[in-house]
């Protein structure tokens, strides 16, 4: 028993979430995990999931468990990814809304979906063909390393959520700060996307804020479709990208820049 508990203490930290399936794969049976619970090394949250005692688990512990123990293809996305890479203006200090990308066929455990104190926002990139690992990066949160979308992909996930999950103005404000994106990554990303409205809005905001990287993008192979798209209701039509946006963004009002 001593060698196994030593292994557990060496491979987890106080507050870490610990899946029974992961414990079993390392020769710690449910009955032994129950003994650790009785000895106050572990705290059972619900069937199949424990927390190491010593700290209240946070939302990032839940994501870390998915990534490292359950091998679920998930990464921090959109607004959350930009925030923890210093690309957003503030951190939410109350109840958190955490943006995640999860592959469409990946099953999330019930304990994760119902994790207290957080609202999960699941991004859908189903119109984006597979991209390589260059579009993911490691970020550190409270000493732990989590996978997250690079700023180019996070920006895509952000505008893809307009207006259903985030207001146009909020997305535009965040986009204003994206002054040093990699134009090759952006171009490859948009070439792989069949989401016409998202592609148009990404390029519209890049042009609106006159980002230098936007001038280096070859739009030849980007799917911009045909016809008009209504991004916001009651907006005005941008003639170049044929999307309706808030009126103040037409004619590139300098007061917004």
Protein backbone atom coordinates (compact mmCIF):
# COMPACT_ATOMS: atom_id res chain seq x y z
CA UNK A 1 0.00 0.00 0.00
CA UNK A 2 2.79 2.44 0.86
CA UNK A 3 4.32 2.35 -2.63
CA UNK A 4 0.95 2.99 -4.27
CA UNK A 5 0.01 5.87 -2.01
CA UNK A 6 3.46 7.34 -2.56
CA UNK A 7 2.90 7.08 -6.31
CA UNK A 8 -0.47 8.83 -5.96
CA UNK A 9 1.00 11.65 -3.90
CA UNK A 10 3.88 12.11 -6.31
CA UNK A 11 1.66 12.19 -9.42
CA UNK A 12 -1.15 14.40 -8.16
CA UNK A 13 -1.37 17.66 -6.24
CA UNK A 14 -3.82 18.88 -3.59
CA UNK A 15 -7.06 19.75 -5.37
CA UNK A 16 -6.33 17.58 -8.40
CA UNK A 17 -9.22 15.60 -9.79
CA UNK A 18 -8.49 11.91 -9.99
CA UNK A 19 -10.50 9.57 -12.23
CA UNK A 20 -11.01 5.99 -11.04
CA UNK A 21 -10.30 4.70 -14.55
CA UNK A 22 -6.89 6.39 -14.39
CA UNK A 23 -6.24 4.95 -10.93
CA UNK A 24 -7.20 1.48 -12.14
CA UNK A 25 -4.77 1.77 -15.04
CA UNK A 26 -2.07 2.37 -12.43
CA UNK A 27 -3.10 -0.62 -10.27
CA UNK A 28 -5.15 1.30 -7.72
CA UNK A 29 -8.45 -0.55 -7.52
CA UNK A 30 -11.78 0.97 -6.49
CA UNK A 31 -11.53 -0.76 -3.13
CA UNK A 32 -8.04 0.68 -2.53
CA UNK A 33 -9.21 4.13 -3.64
CA UNK A 34 -12.03 3.80 -1.12
CA UNK A 35 -9.44 3.07 1.60
CA UNK A 36 -7.56 6.21 0.55
CA UNK A 37 -10.82 8.11 0.88
CA UNK A 38 -11.32 6.75 4.40
CA UNK A 39 -7.76 7.81 5.22
CA UNK A 40 -8.56 11.33 3.94
CA UNK A 41 -6.10 11.23 1.05
CA UNK A 42 -8.96 11.42 -1.45
CA UNK A 43 -12.42 12.95 -1.41
CA UNK A 44 -15.11 11.34 -3.54
CA UNK A 45 -17.03 13.86 -5.64
CA UNK A 46 -19.32 11.37 -7.33
CA UNK A 47 -19.11 7.93 -8.94
CA UNK A 48 -15.79 7.49 -10.70
CA UNK A 49 -14.12 10.75 -9.69
CA UNK A 50 -12.14 11.86 -6.64
CA UNK A 51 -10.31 15.00 -5.58
CA UNK A 52 -7.00 15.05 -3.72
CA UNK A 53 -7.65 16.58 -0.34
CA UNK A 54 -5.93 19.80 0.68
CA UNK A 55 -7.53 22.28 -1.73
CA UNK A 56 -10.93 22.86 -3.28
CA UNK A 57 -10.72 21.79 -6.94
CA UNK A 58 -11.07 24.51 -9.57
CA UNK A 59 -12.43 24.37 -13.13
CA UNK A 60 -8.92 24.03 -14.56
CA UNK A 61 -8.47 20.83 -12.51
CA UNK A 62 -11.49 19.40 -14.32
CA UNK A 63 -10.07 20.30 -17.75
CA UNK A 64 -6.68 18.90 -16.76
CA UNK A 65 -8.30 15.61 -15.77
CA UNK A 66 -9.95 15.35 -19.19
CA UNK A 67 -6.72 16.12 -21.02
CA UNK A 68 -4.22 14.12 -19.02
CA UNK A 69 -6.13 11.23 -17.47
CA UNK A 70 -9.09 10.56 -19.75
CA UNK A 71 -7.38 11.57 -23.03
CA UNK A 72 -10.41 13.56 -24.16
CA UNK A 73 -9.54 15.81 -27.17
CA UNK A 74 -10.31 19.14 -25.54
CA UNK A 75 -8.60 22.51 -25.35
CA UNK A 76 -9.26 25.95 -23.94
CA UNK A 77 -10.75 28.03 -26.71
CA UNK A 78 -11.97 31.44 -27.79
CA UNK A 79 -12.32 34.05 -25.06
CA UNK A 80 -10.75 31.85 -22.36
CA UNK A 81 -7.69 31.10 -24.47
CA UNK A 82 -7.20 34.77 -25.32
CA UNK A 83 -7.67 35.78 -21.69
CA UNK A 84 -5.01 33.46 -20.32
CA UNK A 85 -2.59 34.50 -23.06
CA UNK A 86 -2.96 38.14 -22.09
CA UNK A 87 -5.04 39.02 -25.15
CA UNK A 88 -8.26 39.98 -23.34
CA UNK A 89 -8.89 43.01 -21.18
CA UNK A 90 -9.99 41.38 -17.95
CA UNK A 91 -10.53 38.14 -16.10
CA UNK A 92 -13.98 37.29 -14.87
CA UNK A 93 -13.83 37.24 -11.10
CA UNK A 94 -17.30 35.91 -10.34
CA UNK A 95 -18.92 32.81 -11.76
CA UNK A 96 -16.72 31.75 -14.64
CA UNK A 97 -17.70 31.09 -18.23
CA UNK A 98 -15.02 28.86 -19.70
CA UNK A 99 -14.75 28.34 -23.44
CA UNK A 100 -13.76 24.84 -24.53
CA UNK A 101 -13.35 23.07 -27.82
CA UNK A 102 -14.29 19.40 -27.66
CA UNK A 103 -14.22 17.14 -30.69
CA UNK A 104 -17.77 16.38 -31.81
CA UNK A 105 -17.71 12.66 -31.01
CA UNK A 106 -15.97 12.98 -27.65
CA UNK A 107 -18.16 12.01 -24.70
CA UNK A 108 -17.89 14.19 -21.62
CA UNK A 109 -18.55 12.63 -18.22
CA UNK A 110 -21.52 13.87 -16.26
CA UNK A 111 -19.36 15.09 -13.39
CA UNK A 112 -17.54 17.39 -15.79
CA UNK A 113 -20.63 18.91 -17.37
CA UNK A 114 -22.08 19.53 -13.91
CA UNK A 115 -18.87 20.83 -12.31
CA UNK A 116 -19.90 23.55 -9.81
CA UNK A 117 -19.08 27.23 -10.15
CA UNK A 118 -18.49 27.29 -13.90
CA UNK A 119 -20.53 27.67 -17.07
CA UNK A 120 -18.94 25.68 -19.87
CA UNK A 121 -19.20 27.23 -23.32
CA UNK A 122 -18.51 24.54 -25.91
CA UNK A 123 -17.11 25.81 -29.21
CA UNK A 124 -18.04 24.10 -32.44
CA UNK A 125 -15.42 23.97 -35.16
CA UNK A 126 -17.28 21.40 -37.24
CA UNK A 127 -16.84 23.53 -40.37
CA UNK A 128 -13.10 23.64 -39.84
CA UNK A 129 -11.10 20.75 -41.27
CA UNK A 130 -8.40 19.23 -39.11
CA UNK A 131 -5.44 21.42 -38.30
CA UNK A 132 -2.03 20.37 -37.00
CA UNK A 133 -0.57 20.83 -33.54
CA UNK A 134 0.77 24.26 -34.52
CA UNK A 135 -2.69 25.59 -33.70
CA UNK A 136 -2.45 24.49 -30.07
CA UNK A 137 -0.20 25.87 -27.38
CA UNK A 138 0.55 25.18 -23.72
CA UNK A 139 -0.55 27.73 -21.15
CA UNK A 140 0.00 27.70 -17.42
CA UNK A 141 -2.82 28.18 -14.94
CA UNK A 142 -1.95 28.02 -11.24
CA UNK A 143 1.11 25.94 -11.95
CA UNK A 144 -0.61 23.45 -14.25
CA UNK A 145 -0.11 23.19 -18.02
CA UNK A 146 -3.20 23.02 -20.22
CA UNK A 147 -3.70 22.87 -23.98
CA UNK A 148 -5.23 25.95 -25.57
CA UNK A 149 -5.84 27.33 -29.02
CA UNK A 150 -3.22 29.72 -30.35
CA UNK A 151 -4.45 33.32 -30.77
CA UNK A 152 -5.17 32.81 -34.50
CA UNK A 153 -7.51 29.89 -33.76
CA UNK A 154 -8.93 31.52 -30.63
CA UNK A 155 -9.91 34.54 -32.74
CA UNK A 156 -11.69 32.20 -35.16
CA UNK A 157 -13.55 30.52 -32.29
CA UNK A 158 -14.47 33.96 -31.00
CA UNK A 159 -15.99 35.33 -34.23
CA UNK A 160 -17.63 31.96 -34.90
CA UNK A 161 -19.68 32.55 -31.74
CA UNK A 162 -21.02 35.97 -32.88
CA UNK A 163 -23.80 36.83 -32.14
CA UNK A 164 -25.21 33.70 -30.47
CA UNK A 165 -22.72 33.51 -27.59
CA UNK A 166 -20.88 36.84 -27.64
CA UNK A 167 -21.92 40.30 -28.78
CA UNK A 168 -20.43 41.73 -31.96
CA UNK A 169 -19.06 44.73 -30.08
CA UNK A 170 -17.31 42.57 -27.47
CA UNK A 171 -15.72 40.38 -30.13
CA UNK A 172 -14.65 43.48 -32.06
CA UNK A 173 -13.07 45.01 -28.96
CA UNK A 174 -11.04 41.85 -28.40
CA UNK A 175 -10.11 41.66 -32.08
CA UNK A 176 -8.74 45.19 -31.91
CA UNK A 177 -5.93 43.98 -29.67
CA UNK A 178 -4.84 41.15 -31.99
CA UNK A 179 -2.15 43.21 -33.66
CA UNK A 180 0.50 40.54 -34.14
CA UNK A 181 -1.21 37.42 -35.46
CA UNK A 182 0.73 35.22 -37.84
CA UNK A 183 -0.68 35.85 -41.36
CA UNK A 184 0.38 32.38 -42.60
CA UNK A 185 -1.47 30.71 -39.74
CA UNK A 186 -4.53 32.88 -40.32
CA UNK A 187 -4.51 32.16 -44.06
CA UNK A 188 -4.15 28.39 -43.58
CA UNK A 189 -6.87 28.47 -40.92
CA UNK A 190 -9.38 30.30 -43.11
CA UNK A 191 -8.49 28.15 -46.13
CA UNK A 192 -9.51 25.13 -44.02
CA UNK A 193 -12.82 26.72 -42.98
CA UNK A 194 -16.14 26.28 -44.77
CA UNK A 195 -17.93 28.64 -42.36
CA UNK A 196 -18.61 31.47 -44.80
CA UNK A 197 -19.96 33.99 -42.28
CA UNK A 198 -17.11 33.33 -39.85
CA UNK A 199 -14.52 33.76 -42.59
CA UNK A 200 -16.06 37.03 -43.72
CA UNK A 201 -16.31 38.43 -40.20
CA UNK A 202 -12.71 37.46 -39.38
CA UNK A 203 -11.45 39.34 -42.43
CA UNK A 204 -13.84 42.26 -41.90
CA UNK A 205 -12.55 42.88 -38.37
CA UNK A 206 -8.93 42.47 -39.48
CA UNK A 207 -9.46 45.09 -42.19
CA UNK A 208 -11.52 47.37 -39.95
CA UNK A 209 -8.68 47.69 -37.46
CA UNK A 210 -6.13 47.84 -40.29
CA UNK A 211 -3.98 45.14 -38.74
CA UNK A 212 -0.70 44.87 -40.66
CA UNK A 213 -0.92 41.07 -40.83
CA UNK A 214 -4.24 41.30 -42.69
CA UNK A 215 -2.51 42.86 -45.69
CA UNK A 216 -0.34 39.74 -46.08
CA UNK A 217 -3.22 37.28 -46.42
CA UNK A 218 -4.01 35.79 -49.82
CA UNK A 219 -7.79 35.51 -49.90
CA UNK A 220 -7.89 33.56 -53.18
CA UNK A 221 -8.65 30.18 -51.60
CA UNK A 222 -10.74 31.37 -48.65
CA UNK A 223 -14.39 30.30 -48.91
CA UNK A 224 -16.37 33.55 -48.82
CA UNK A 225 -19.44 32.06 -50.48
CA UNK A 226 -21.99 34.22 -52.21
CA UNK A 227 -24.94 36.35 -51.23
CA UNK A 228 -25.51 38.41 -48.12
CA UNK A 229 -25.18 37.25 -44.51
CA UNK A 230 -26.88 38.85 -41.50
CA UNK A 231 -24.42 38.88 -38.60
CA UNK A 232 -26.51 41.26 -36.50
CA UNK A 233 -30.12 42.25 -36.94
CA UNK A 234 -30.83 45.88 -37.71
CA UNK A 235 -27.28 46.44 -38.89
CA UNK A 236 -25.95 47.95 -42.09
CA UNK A 237 -24.45 46.06 -44.99
CA UNK A 238 -20.71 46.08 -45.49
CA UNK A 239 -20.39 46.04 -49.26
CA UNK A 240 -17.00 44.34 -49.44
CA UNK A 241 -17.85 41.27 -47.34
CA UNK A 242 -21.63 41.41 -47.77
CA UNK A 243 -22.37 41.10 -44.05
CA UNK A 244 -24.64 43.21 -41.86
CA UNK A 245 -22.76 44.74 -38.92
CA UNK A 246 -23.59 47.50 -36.41
CA UNK A 247 -23.86 50.80 -38.25
CA UNK A 248 -20.95 52.41 -36.42
CA UNK A 249 -18.57 49.88 -38.02
CA UNK A 250 -19.47 50.96 -41.54
CA UNK A 251 -17.13 53.43 -43.23
CA UNK A 252 -14.43 52.59 -40.66
CA UNK A 253 -15.29 55.22 -38.07
CA UNK A 254 -11.94 56.33 -36.64
CA UNK A 255 -13.44 56.86 -33.19
CA UNK A 256 -13.71 53.10 -32.78
CA UNK A 257 -10.04 52.42 -33.50
